[in-house]
Amino acid sequence: CCYFGEPKLAYWLTLTVHGFADSPVSWRESEHGFHKGGENL
């Protein structure tokens, strides 16, 4: 967020966080269900 403190040419930026597909927990204390892909991001 500090990146935009100075004049820059970019209009937006992105931060993506992927969880581990085989993680025992996905969100908060919820057990992570794993069927095919284990999406968690």
PDB file of all heavy atoms in Angstrom:
ATOM      1  N   CYS A   1       0.831  -1.207   0.000  1.00  0.00           N
ATOM      2  CA  CYS A   1       0.000   0.000   0.000  1.00  0.00           C
ATOM      3  C   CYS A   1       0.863   1.252   0.000  1.00  0.00           C
ATOM      4  O   CYS A   1       0.486   2.271  -0.583  1.00  0.00           O
ATOM      5  CB  CYS A   1      -0.931  -0.004   1.209  1.00  0.00           C
ATOM      6  SG  CYS A   1      -2.269  -1.208   1.075  1.00  0.00           S
ATOM      7  N   CYS A   2       2.035   1.200   0.627  1.00  0.00           N
ATOM      8  CA  CYS A   2       2.953   2.342   0.646  1.00  0.00           C
ATOM      9  C   CYS A   2       3.520   2.640  -0.746  1.00  0.00           C
ATOM     10  O   CYS A   2       4.004   3.739  -0.998  1.00  0.00           O
ATOM     11  CB  CYS A   2       4.104   2.080   1.616  1.00  0.00           C
ATOM     12  SG  CYS A   2       3.579   2.062   3.333  1.00  0.00           S
ATOM     13  N   TYR A   3       3.451   1.665  -1.628  1.00  0.00           N
ATOM     14  CA  TYR A   3       3.959   1.835  -2.992  1.00  0.00           C
ATOM     15  C   TYR A   3       3.310   3.045  -3.665  1.00  0.00           C
ATOM     16  O   TYR A   3       3.949   3.762  -4.425  1.00  0.00           O
ATOM     17  CB  TYR A   3       3.684   0.567  -3.793  1.00  0.00           C
ATOM     18  CG  TYR A   3       4.050   0.662  -5.250  1.00  0.00           C
ATOM     19  CD1 TYR A   3       5.366   0.507  -5.672  1.00  0.00           C
ATOM     20  CD2 TYR A   3       3.087   0.927  -6.208  1.00  0.00           C
ATOM     21  CE1 TYR A   3       5.711   0.594  -7.007  1.00  0.00           C
ATOM     22  CE2 TYR A   3       3.422   1.016  -7.551  1.00  0.00           C
ATOM     23  CZ  TYR A   3       4.728   0.855  -7.942  1.00  0.00           C
ATOM     24  OH  TYR A   3       5.067   0.949  -9.260  1.00  0.00           O
ATOM     25  N   PHE A   4       2.038   3.284  -3.375  1.00  0.00           N
ATOM     26  CA  PHE A   4       1.325   4.388  -4.010  1.00  0.00           C
ATOM     27  C   PHE A   4       1.567   5.723  -3.313  1.00  0.00           C
ATOM     28  O   PHE A   4       1.017   6.737  -3.710  1.00  0.00           O
ATOM     29  CB  PHE A   4      -0.179   4.095  -4.049  1.00  0.00           C
ATOM     30  CG  PHE A   4      -0.533   2.939  -4.940  1.00  0.00           C
ATOM     31  CD1 PHE A   4      -1.094   1.785  -4.395  1.00  0.00           C
ATOM     32  CD2 PHE A   4      -0.319   2.984  -6.297  1.00  0.00           C
ATOM     33  CE1 PHE A   4      -1.418   0.715  -5.212  1.00  0.00           C
ATOM     34  CE2 PHE A   4      -0.638   1.913  -7.117  1.00  0.00           C
ATOM     35  CZ  PHE A   4      -1.191   0.780  -6.569  1.00  0.00           C
ATOM     36  N   GLY A   5       2.401   5.742  -2.266  1.00  0.00           N
ATOM     37  CA  GLY A   5       2.710   6.975  -1.556  1.00  0.00           C
ATOM     38  C   GLY A   5       3.446   7.978  -2.420  1.00  0.00           C
ATOM     39  O   GLY A   5       3.326   9.180  -2.233  1.00  0.00           O
ATOM     40  N   GLU A   6       4.217   7.487  -3.356  1.00  0.00           N
ATOM     41  CA  GLU A   6       4.920   8.354  -4.301  1.00  0.00           C
ATOM     42  C   GLU A   6       4.243   8.198  -5.656  1.00  0.00           C
ATOM     43  O   GLU A   6       3.674   7.152  -5.945  1.00  0.00           O
ATOM     44  CB  GLU A   6       6.379   7.918  -4.406  1.00  0.00           C
ATOM     45  CG  GLU A   6       7.159   8.080  -3.125  1.00  0.00           C
ATOM     46  CD  GLU A   6       8.593   7.595  -3.283  1.00  0.00           C
ATOM     47  OE1 GLU A   6       9.107   7.587  -4.425  1.00  0.00           O
ATOM     48  OE2 GLU A   6       9.179   7.221  -2.269  1.00  0.00           O
ATOM     49  N   PRO A   7       4.317   9.214  -6.484  1.00  0.00           N
ATOM     50  CA  PRO A   7       3.686   9.094  -7.807  1.00  0.00           C
ATOM     51  C   PRO A   7       4.257   7.912  -8.593  1.00  0.00           C
ATOM     52  O   PRO A   7       5.465   7.779  -8.747  1.00  0.00           O
ATOM     53  CB  PRO A   7       4.025  10.415  -8.499  1.00  0.00           C
ATOM     54  CG  PRO A   7       4.359  11.351  -7.390  1.00  0.00           C
ATOM     55  CD  PRO A   7       4.917  10.517  -6.272  1.00  0.00           C
ATOM     56  N   LYS A   8       3.400   7.038  -9.016  1.00  0.00           N
ATOM     57  CA  LYS A   8       3.785   5.862  -9.794  1.00  0.00           C
ATOM     58  C   LYS A   8       2.885   5.775 -11.027  1.00  0.00           C
ATOM     59  O   LYS A   8       1.814   6.362 -11.075  1.00  0.00           O
ATOM     60  CB  LYS A   8       3.611   4.576  -8.981  1.00  0.00           C
ATOM     61  CG  LYS A   8       4.369   4.529  -7.683  1.00  0.00           C
ATOM     62  CD  LYS A   8       5.837   4.296  -7.911  1.00  0.00           C
ATOM     63  CE  LYS A   8       6.513   4.003  -6.594  1.00  0.00           C
ATOM     64  NZ  LYS A   8       7.692   4.657  -6.333  1.00  0.00           N
ATOM     65  N   LEU A   9       3.315   4.999 -11.980  1.00  0.00           N
ATOM     66  CA  LEU A   9       2.521   4.830 -13.186  1.00  0.00           C
ATOM     67  C   LEU A   9       1.452   3.748 -13.026  1.00  0.00           C
ATOM     68  O   LEU A   9       0.468   3.747 -13.732  1.00  0.00           O
ATOM     69  CB  LEU A   9       3.430   4.483 -14.365  1.00  0.00           C
ATOM     70  CG  LEU A   9       4.431   5.580 -14.744  1.00  0.00           C
ATOM     71  CD1 LEU A   9       5.338   5.094 -15.873  1.00  0.00           C
ATOM     72  CD2 LEU A   9       3.712   6.850 -15.139  1.00  0.00           C
ATOM     73  N   ALA A  10       1.646   2.830 -12.092  1.00  0.00           N
ATOM     74  CA  ALA A  10       0.708   1.722 -11.917  1.00  0.00           C
ATOM     75  C   ALA A  10      -0.626   2.224 -11.359  1.00  0.00           C
ATOM     76  O   ALA A  10      -0.654   3.090 -10.484  1.00  0.00           O
ATOM     77  CB  ALA A  10       1.295   0.673 -10.995  1.00  0.00           C
ATOM     78  N   TYR A  11      -1.715   1.658 -11.857  1.00  0.00           N
ATOM     79  CA  TYR A  11      -3.036   2.001 -11.356  1.00  0.00           C
ATOM     80  C   TYR A  11      -3.475   1.037 -10.265  1.00  0.00           C
ATOM     81  O   TYR A  11      -4.319   1.350  -9.445  1.00  0.00           O
ATOM     82  CB  TYR A  11      -4.065   1.981 -12.494  1.00  0.00           C
ATOM     83  CG  TYR A  11      -3.851   3.099 -13.468  1.00  0.00           C
ATOM     84  CD1 TYR A  11      -3.201   2.874 -14.672  1.00  0.00           C
ATOM     85  CD2 TYR A  11      -4.275   4.385 -13.181  1.00  0.00           C
ATOM     86  CE1 TYR A  11      -2.984   3.900 -15.577  1.00  0.00           C
ATOM     87  CE2 TYR A  11      -4.069   5.422 -14.069  1.00  0.00           C
ATOM     88  CZ  TYR A  11      -3.426   5.174 -15.265  1.00  0.00           C
ATOM     89  OH  TYR A  11      -3.212   6.198 -16.140  1.00  0.00           O
ATOM     90  N   TRP A  12      -2.917  -0.167 -10.296  1.00  0.00           N
ATOM     91  CA  TRP A  12      -3.278  -1.174  -9.304  1.00  0.00           C
ATOM     92  C   TRP A  12      -2.146  -2.185  -9.167  1.00  0.00           C
ATOM     93  O   TRP A  12      -1.277  -2.272 -10.013  1.00  0.00           O
ATOM     94  CB  TRP A  12      -4.593  -1.868  -9.675  1.00  0.00           C
ATOM     95  CG  TRP A  12      -4.627  -2.467 -11.051  1.00  0.00           C
ATOM     96  CD1 TRP A  12      -5.057  -1.861 -12.201  1.00  0.00           C
ATOM     97  CD2 TRP A  12      -4.235  -3.791 -11.439  1.00  0.00           C
ATOM     98  NE1 TRP A  12      -4.939  -2.714 -13.270  1.00  0.00           N
ATOM     99  CE2 TRP A  12      -4.438  -3.915 -12.833  1.00  0.00           C
ATOM    100  CE3 TRP A  12      -3.718  -4.889 -10.757  1.00  0.00           C
ATOM    101  CZ2 TRP A  12      -4.157  -5.078 -13.538  1.00  0.00           C
ATOM    102  CZ3 TRP A  12      -3.439  -6.050 -11.460  1.00  0.00           C
ATOM    103  CH2 TRP A  12      -3.668  -6.128 -12.832  1.00  0.00           C
ATOM    104  N   LEU A  13      -2.191  -2.933  -8.066  1.00  0.00           N
ATOM    105  CA  LEU A  13      -1.269  -4.049  -7.862  1.00  0.00           C
ATOM    106  C   LEU A  13      -2.034  -5.142  -7.132  1.00  0.00           C
ATOM    107  O   LEU A  13      -3.149  -4.929  -6.656  1.00  0.00           O
ATOM    108  CB  LEU A  13      -0.018  -3.606  -7.097  1.00  0.00           C
ATOM    109  CG  LEU A  13      -0.193  -2.913  -5.754  1.00  0.00           C
ATOM    110  CD1 LEU A  13      -0.339  -3.918  -4.644  1.00  0.00           C
ATOM    111  CD2 LEU A  13       1.012  -2.039  -5.490  1.00  0.00           C
ATOM    112  N   THR A  14      -1.442  -6.308  -7.064  1.00  0.00           N
ATOM    113  CA  THR A  14      -2.155  -7.433  -6.477  1.00  0.00           C
ATOM    114  C   THR A  14      -1.240  -8.259  -5.576  1.00  0.00           C
ATOM    115  O   THR A  14      -0.038  -8.338  -5.807  1.00  0.00           O
ATOM    116  CB  THR A  14      -2.779  -8.314  -7.584  1.00  0.00           C
ATOM    117  OG1 THR A  14      -3.512  -9.380  -6.995  1.00  0.00           O
ATOM    118  CG2 THR A  14      -1.751  -8.879  -8.499  1.00  0.00           C
ATOM    119  N   LEU A  15      -1.827  -8.844  -4.541  1.00  0.00           N
ATOM    120  CA  LEU A  15      -1.155  -9.763  -3.630  1.00  0.00           C
ATOM    121  C   LEU A  15      -2.042 -10.989  -3.497  1.00  0.00           C
ATOM    122  O   LEU A  15      -3.198 -10.883  -3.107  1.00  0.00           O
ATOM    123  CB  LEU A  15      -0.947  -9.131  -2.247  1.00  0.00           C
ATOM    124  CG  LEU A  15      -0.475 -10.083  -1.146  1.00  0.00           C
ATOM    125  CD1 LEU A  15       0.959 -10.536  -1.409  1.00  0.00           C
ATOM    126  CD2 LEU A  15      -0.581  -9.433   0.217  1.00  0.00           C
ATOM    127  N   THR A  16      -1.494 -12.128  -3.857  1.00  0.00           N
ATOM    128  CA  THR A  16      -2.250 -13.375  -3.778  1.00  0.00           C
ATOM    129  C   THR A  16      -1.561 -14.317  -2.802  1.00  0.00           C
ATOM    130  O   THR A  16      -0.342 -14.470  -2.840  1.00  0.00           O
ATOM    131  CB  THR A  16      -2.337 -14.042  -5.162  1.00  0.00           C
ATOM    132  OG1 THR A  16      -2.936 -13.118  -6.063  1.00  0.00           O
ATOM    133  CG2 THR A  16      -3.186 -15.310  -5.107  1.00  0.00           C
ATOM    134  N   VAL A  17      -2.350 -14.939  -1.946  1.00  0.00           N
ATOM    135  CA  VAL A  17      -1.836 -15.885  -0.966  1.00  0.00           C
ATOM    136  C   VAL A  17      -2.517 -17.227  -1.201  1.00  0.00           C
ATOM    137  O   VAL A  17      -3.733 -17.326  -1.137  1.00  0.00           O
ATOM    138  CB  VAL A  17      -2.106 -15.410   0.478  1.00  0.00           C
ATOM    139  CG1 VAL A  17      -1.580 -16.422   1.483  1.00  0.00           C
ATOM    140  CG2 VAL A  17      -1.503 -14.032   0.707  1.00  0.00           C
ATOM    141  N   HIS A  18      -1.702 -18.233  -1.511  1.00  0.00           N
ATOM    142  CA  HIS A  18      -2.196 -19.600  -1.707  1.00  0.00           C
ATOM    143  C   HIS A  18      -1.914 -20.392  -0.452  1.00  0.00           C
ATOM    144  O   HIS A  18      -0.794 -20.375   0.055  1.00  0.00           O
ATOM    145  CB  HIS A  18      -1.455 -20.303  -2.862  1.00  0.00           C
ATOM    146  CG  HIS A  18      -1.831 -19.822  -4.209  1.00  0.00           C
ATOM    147  ND1 HIS A  18      -2.768 -20.441  -4.972  1.00  0.00           N
ATOM    148  CD2 HIS A  18      -1.387 -18.760  -4.926  1.00  0.00           C
ATOM    149  CE1 HIS A  18      -2.888 -19.797  -6.114  1.00  0.00           C
ATOM    150  NE2 HIS A  18      -2.061 -18.765  -6.109  1.00  0.00           N
ATOM    151  N   GLY A  19      -2.903 -21.114   0.031  1.00  0.00           N
ATOM    152  CA  GLY A  19      -2.667 -22.056   1.117  1.00  0.00           C
ATOM    153  C   GLY A  19      -2.137 -23.353   0.533  1.00  0.00           C
ATOM    154  O   GLY A  19      -2.146 -23.570  -0.681  1.00  0.00           O
ATOM    155  N   PHE A  20      -1.647 -24.213   1.390  1.00  0.00           N
ATOM    156  CA  PHE A  20      -1.188 -25.526   0.936  1.00  0.00           C
ATOM    157  C   PHE A  20      -2.399 -26.389   0.637  1.00  0.00           C
ATOM    158  O   PHE A  20      -3.367 -26.411   1.401  1.00  0.00           O
ATOM    159  CB  PHE A  20      -0.313 -26.189   2.001  1.00  0.00           C
ATOM    160  CG  PHE A  20       0.981 -25.477   2.239  1.00  0.00           C
ATOM    161  CD1 PHE A  20       1.152 -24.631   3.325  1.00  0.00           C
ATOM    162  CD2 PHE A  20       2.044 -25.646   1.356  1.00  0.00           C
ATOM    163  CE1 PHE A  20       2.350 -23.970   3.534  1.00  0.00           C
ATOM    164  CE2 PHE A  20       3.252 -24.988   1.558  1.00  0.00           C
ATOM    165  CZ  PHE A  20       3.394 -24.149   2.657  1.00  0.00           C
ATOM    166  N   ALA A  21      -2.356 -27.132  -0.462  1.00  0.00           N
ATOM    167  CA  ALA A  21      -3.482 -27.987  -0.847  1.00  0.00           C
ATOM    168  C   ALA A  21      -3.767 -29.044   0.212  1.00  0.00           C
ATOM    169  O   ALA A  21      -4.918 -29.419   0.425  1.00  0.00           O
ATOM    170  CB  ALA A  21      -3.197 -28.653  -2.187  1.00  0.00           C
ATOM    171  N   ASP A  22      -2.744 -29.515   0.895  1.00  0.00           N
ATOM    172  CA  ASP A  22      -2.939 -30.572   1.893  1.00  0.00           C
ATOM    173  C   ASP A  22      -2.936 -30.033   3.327  1.00  0.00           C
ATOM    174  O   ASP A  22      -2.710 -30.777   4.275  1.00  0.00           O
ATOM    175  CB  ASP A  22      -1.883 -31.659   1.734  1.00  0.00           C
ATOM    176  CG  ASP A  22      -0.458 -31.134   1.875  1.00  0.00           C
ATOM    177  OD1 ASP A  22      -0.285 -29.896   1.968  1.00  0.00           O
ATOM    178  OD2 ASP A  22       0.466 -31.952   1.889  1.00  0.00           O
ATOM    179  N   SER A  23      -3.214 -28.749   3.491  1.00  0.00           N
ATOM    180  CA  SER A  23      -3.256 -28.150   4.819  1.00  0.00           C
ATOM    181  C   SER A  23      -4.410 -28.740   5.634  1.00  0.00           C
ATOM    182  O   SER A  23      -5.499 -28.958   5.102  1.00  0.00           O
ATOM    183  CB  SER A  23      -3.458 -26.641   4.684  1.00  0.00           C
ATOM    184  OG  SER A  23      -3.676 -26.050   5.932  1.00  0.00           O
ATOM    185  N   PRO A  24      -4.213 -28.991   6.924  1.00  0.00           N
ATOM    186  CA  PRO A  24      -5.307 -29.526   7.729  1.00  0.00           C
ATOM    187  C   PRO A  24      -6.402 -28.498   8.017  1.00  0.00           C
ATOM    188  O   PRO A  24      -7.535 -28.846   8.285  1.00  0.00           O
ATOM    189  CB  PRO A  24      -4.630 -29.980   9.020  1.00  0.00           C
ATOM    190  CG  PRO A  24      -3.357 -29.225   9.079  1.00  0.00           C
ATOM    191  CD  PRO A  24      -2.967 -28.911   7.672  1.00  0.00           C
ATOM    192  N   VAL A  25      -6.076 -27.195   7.933  1.00  0.00           N
ATOM    193  CA  VAL A  25      -7.036 -26.127   8.214  1.00  0.00           C
ATOM    194  C   VAL A  25      -7.088 -25.213   7.007  1.00  0.00           C
ATOM    195  O   VAL A  25      -6.059 -24.889   6.413  1.00  0.00           O
ATOM    196  CB  VAL A  25      -6.603 -25.329   9.469  1.00  0.00           C
ATOM    197  CG1 VAL A  25      -7.521 -24.155   9.700  1.00  0.00           C
ATOM    198  CG2 VAL A  25      -6.564 -26.230  10.688  1.00  0.00           C
ATOM    199  N   SER A  26      -8.305 -24.782   6.617  1.00  0.00           N
ATOM    200  CA  SER A  26      -8.383 -23.857   5.494  1.00  0.00           C
ATOM    201  C   SER A  26      -8.666 -22.437   5.962  1.00  0.00           C
ATOM    202  O   SER A  26      -7.884 -21.544   5.724  1.00  0.00           O
ATOM    203  CB  SER A  26      -9.422 -24.316   4.475  1.00  0.00           C
ATOM    204  OG  SER A  26     -10.709 -24.297   5.039  1.00  0.00           O
ATOM    205  N   TRP A  27      -9.765 -22.172   6.619  1.00  0.00           N
ATOM    206  CA  TRP A  27     -10.114 -20.841   7.072  1.00  0.00           C
ATOM    207  C   TRP A  27     -10.471 -20.910   8.545  1.00  0.00           C
ATOM    208  O   TRP A  27     -11.286 -21.733   8.952  1.00  0.00           O
ATOM    209  CB  TRP A  27     -11.302 -20.289   6.288  1.00  0.00           C
ATOM    210  CG  TRP A  27     -11.008 -20.158   4.840  1.00  0.00           C
ATOM    211  CD1 TRP A  27     -11.369 -21.027   3.854  1.00  0.00           C
ATOM    212  CD2 TRP A  27     -10.271 -19.125   4.191  1.00  0.00           C
ATOM    213  NE1 TRP A  27     -10.910 -20.590   2.646  1.00  0.00           N
ATOM    214  CE2 TRP A  27     -10.233 -19.422   2.823  1.00  0.00           C
ATOM    215  CE3 TRP A  27      -9.643 -17.980   4.642  1.00  0.00           C
ATOM    216  CZ2 TRP A  27      -9.598 -18.613   1.898  1.00  0.00           C
ATOM    217  CZ3 TRP A  27      -9.015 -17.171   3.711  1.00  0.00           C
ATOM    218  CH2 TRP A  27      -9.000 -17.488   2.359  1.00  0.00           C
ATOM    219  N   ARG A  28      -9.837 -20.065   9.308  1.00  0.00           N
ATOM    220  CA  ARG A  28     -10.026 -20.036  10.764  1.00  0.00           C
ATOM    221  C   ARG A  28      -9.785 -21.417  11.328  1.00  0.00           C
ATOM    222  O   ARG A  28      -8.763 -22.004  11.081  1.00  0.00           O
ATOM    223  CB  ARG A  28     -11.395 -19.482  11.116  1.00  0.00           C
ATOM    224  CG  ARG A  28     -11.586 -18.103  10.504  1.00  0.00           C
ATOM    225  CD  ARG A  28     -12.525 -17.285  11.259  1.00  0.00           C
ATOM    226  NE  ARG A  28     -12.597 -16.004  10.571  1.00  0.00           N
ATOM    227  CZ  ARG A  28     -12.924 -14.916  11.150  1.00  0.00           C
ATOM    228  NH1 ARG A  28     -13.220 -14.917  12.414  1.00  0.00           N
ATOM    229  NH2 ARG A  28     -12.966 -13.798  10.479  1.00  0.00           N
ATOM    230  N   GLU A  29     -10.746 -21.986  12.059  1.00  0.00           N
ATOM    231  CA  GLU A  29     -10.549 -23.317  12.636  1.00  0.00           C
ATOM    232  C   GLU A  29     -11.226 -24.407  11.814  1.00  0.00           C
ATOM    233  O   GLU A  29     -11.377 -25.536  12.257  1.00  0.00           O
ATOM    234  CB  GLU A  29     -11.086 -23.368  14.076  1.00  0.00           C
ATOM    235  CG  GLU A  29     -10.325 -22.494  15.054  1.00  0.00           C
ATOM    236  CD  GLU A  29     -10.777 -21.042  15.023  1.00  0.00           C
ATOM    237  OE1 GLU A  29     -11.976 -20.782  14.757  1.00  0.00           O
ATOM    238  OE2 GLU A  29      -9.936 -20.158  15.235  1.00  0.00           O
ATOM    239  N   SER A  30     -11.681 -24.086  10.614  1.00  0.00           N
ATOM    240  CA  SER A  30     -12.403 -25.059   9.789  1.00  0.00           C
ATOM    241  C   SER A  30     -11.447 -26.085   9.199  1.00  0.00           C
ATOM    242  O   SER A  30     -10.385 -25.738   8.690  1.00  0.00           O
ATOM    243  CB  SER A  30     -13.131 -24.359   8.639  1.00  0.00           C
ATOM    244  OG  SER A  30     -14.064 -23.437   9.146  1.00  0.00           O
ATOM    245  N   GLU A  31     -11.862 -27.327   9.259  1.00  0.00           N
ATOM    246  CA  GLU A  31     -11.072 -28.397   8.650  1.00  0.00           C
ATOM    247  C   GLU A  31     -11.058 -28.200   7.140  1.00  0.00           C
ATOM    248  O   GLU A  31     -12.054 -27.807   6.539  1.00  0.00           O
ATOM    249  CB  GLU A  31     -11.694 -29.740   9.003  1.00  0.00           C
ATOM    250  CG  GLU A  31     -10.900 -30.918   8.511  1.00  0.00           C
ATOM    251  CD  GLU A  31     -11.494 -32.243   8.949  1.00  0.00           C
ATOM    252  OE1 GLU A  31     -12.244 -32.267   9.932  1.00  0.00           O
ATOM    253  OE2 GLU A  31     -11.213 -33.250   8.276  1.00  0.00           O
ATOM    254  N   HIS A  32      -9.934 -28.471   6.533  1.00  0.00           N
ATOM    255  CA  HIS A  32      -9.776 -28.284   5.091  1.00  0.00           C
ATOM    256  C   HIS A  32     -10.253 -29.536   4.366  1.00  0.00           C
ATOM    257  O   HIS A  32      -9.692 -30.604   4.536  1.00  0.00           O
ATOM    258  CB  HIS A  32      -8.305 -28.006   4.779  1.00  0.00           C
ATOM    259  CG  HIS A  32      -8.021 -27.753   3.334  1.00  0.00           C
ATOM    260  ND1 HIS A  32      -8.756 -26.889   2.565  1.00  0.00           N
ATOM    261  CD2 HIS A  32      -7.063 -28.243   2.518  1.00  0.00           C
ATOM    262  CE1 HIS A  32      -8.269 -26.859   1.343  1.00  0.00           C
ATOM    263  NE2 HIS A  32      -7.235 -27.676   1.290  1.00  0.00           N
ATOM    264  N   GLY A  33     -11.302 -29.378   3.580  1.00  0.00           N
ATOM    265  CA  GLY A  33     -11.790 -30.496   2.770  1.00  0.00           C
ATOM    266  C   GLY A  33     -10.961 -30.604   1.510  1.00  0.00           C
ATOM    267  O   GLY A  33     -10.682 -29.624   0.834  1.00  0.00           O
ATOM    268  N   PHE A  34     -10.542 -31.794   1.184  1.00  0.00           N
ATOM    269  CA  PHE A  34      -9.696 -32.000   0.011  1.00  0.00           C
ATOM    270  C   PHE A  34     -10.397 -33.019  -0.876  1.00  0.00           C
ATOM    271  O   PHE A  34     -10.576 -34.162  -0.492  1.00  0.00           O
ATOM    272  CB  PHE A  34      -8.308 -32.521   0.433  1.00  0.00           C
ATOM    273  CG  PHE A  34      -7.353 -32.637  -0.709  1.00  0.00           C
ATOM    274  CD1 PHE A  34      -6.538 -31.580  -1.035  1.00  0.00           C
ATOM    275  CD2 PHE A  34      -7.269 -33.795  -1.457  1.00  0.00           C
ATOM    276  CE1 PHE A  34      -5.647 -31.669  -2.098  1.00  0.00           C
ATOM    277  CE2 PHE A  34      -6.395 -33.892  -2.516  1.00  0.00           C
ATOM    278  CZ  PHE A  34      -5.580 -32.828  -2.831  1.00  0.00           C
ATOM    279  N   HIS A  35     -10.829 -32.576  -2.043  1.00  0.00           N
ATOM    280  CA  HIS A  35     -11.487 -33.488  -2.971  1.00  0.00           C
ATOM    281  C   HIS A  35     -10.569 -33.758  -4.154  1.00  0.00           C
ATOM    282  O   HIS A  35     -10.057 -34.836  -4.317  1.00  0.00           O
ATOM    283  CB  HIS A  35     -12.830 -32.911  -3.413  1.00  0.00           C
ATOM    284  CG  HIS A  35     -13.644 -33.824  -4.269  1.00  0.00           C
ATOM    285  ND1 HIS A  35     -14.041 -35.067  -3.843  1.00  0.00           N
ATOM    286  CD2 HIS A  35     -14.102 -33.678  -5.517  1.00  0.00           C
ATOM    287  CE1 HIS A  35     -14.726 -35.659  -4.814  1.00  0.00           C
ATOM    288  NE2 HIS A  35     -14.788 -34.822  -5.833  1.00  0.00           N
ATOM    289  N   LYS A  36     -10.351 -32.731  -4.958  1.00  0.00           N
ATOM    290  CA  LYS A  36      -9.456 -32.885  -6.102  1.00  0.00           C
ATOM    291  C   LYS A  36      -8.301 -31.911  -6.042  1.00  0.00           C
ATOM    292  O   LYS A  36      -7.155 -32.295  -6.094  1.00  0.00           O
ATOM    293  CB  LYS A  36     -10.227 -32.700  -7.412  1.00  0.00           C
ATOM    294  CG  LYS A  36     -11.180 -33.830  -7.701  1.00  0.00           C
ATOM    295  CD  LYS A  36     -11.806 -33.665  -9.058  1.00  0.00           C
ATOM    296  CE  LYS A  36     -12.733 -34.846  -9.312  1.00  0.00           C
ATOM    297  NZ  LYS A  36     -13.370 -34.777 -10.590  1.00  0.00           N
ATOM    298  N   GLY A  37      -8.601 -30.625  -5.931  1.00  0.00           N
ATOM    299  CA  GLY A  37      -7.547 -29.639  -6.042  1.00  0.00           C
ATOM    300  C   GLY A  37      -7.086 -29.035  -4.736  1.00  0.00           C
ATOM    301  O   GLY A  37      -5.991 -28.536  -4.642  1.00  0.00           O
ATOM    302  N   GLY A  38      -7.900 -29.017  -3.723  1.00  0.00           N
ATOM    303  CA  GLY A  38      -7.528 -28.414  -2.459  1.00  0.00           C
ATOM    304  C   GLY A  38      -7.365 -26.910  -2.541  1.00  0.00           C
ATOM    305  O   GLY A  38      -6.534 -26.333  -1.858  1.00  0.00           O
ATOM    306  N   GLU A  39      -8.167 -26.250  -3.387  1.00  0.00           N
ATOM    307  CA  GLU A  39      -8.059 -24.801  -3.549  1.00  0.00           C
ATOM    308  C   GLU A  39      -8.227 -24.114  -2.205  1.00  0.00           C
ATOM    309  O   GLU A  39      -9.051 -24.507  -1.387  1.00  0.00           O
ATOM    310  CB  GLU A  39      -9.132 -24.274  -4.519  1.00  0.00           C
ATOM    311  CG  GLU A  39      -8.975 -24.754  -5.931  1.00  0.00           C
ATOM    312  CD  GLU A  39      -9.548 -26.152  -6.157  1.00  0.00           C
ATOM    313  OE1 GLU A  39     -10.148 -26.718  -5.236  1.00  0.00           O
ATOM    314  OE2 GLU A  39      -9.386 -26.668  -7.263  1.00  0.00           O
ATOM    315  N   ASN A  40      -7.449 -23.081  -2.003  1.00  0.00           N
ATOM    316  CA  ASN A  40      -7.449 -22.393  -0.735  1.00  0.00           C
ATOM    317  C   ASN A  40      -6.610 -21.134  -0.924  1.00  0.00           C
ATOM    318  O   ASN A  40      -5.418 -21.142  -0.699  1.00  0.00           O
ATOM    319  CB  ASN A  40      -6.846 -23.319   0.322  1.00  0.00           C
ATOM    320  CG  ASN A  40      -6.855 -22.743   1.704  1.00  0.00           C
ATOM    321  OD1 ASN A  40      -7.452 -21.725   1.964  1.00  0.00           O
ATOM    322  ND2 ASN A  40      -6.165 -23.412   2.608  1.00  0.00           N
ATOM    323  N   LEU A  41      -7.224 -20.040  -1.402  1.00  0.00           N
ATOM    324  CA  LEU A  41      -6.445 -18.842  -1.679  1.00  0.00           C
ATOM    325  C   LEU A  41      -7.287 -17.592  -1.544  1.00  0.00           C
ATOM    326  O   LEU A  41      -8.516 -17.654  -1.560  1.00  0.00           O
ATOM    327  CB  LEU A  41      -5.821 -18.894  -3.073  1.00  0.00           C
ATOM    328  CG  LEU A  41      -6.769 -18.880  -4.263  1.00  0.00           C
ATOM    329  CD1 LEU A  41      -6.802 -17.494  -4.890  1.00  0.00           C
ATOM    330  CD2 LEU A  41      -6.327 -19.897  -5.288  1.00  0.00           C
TER     331      LEU A  41
END
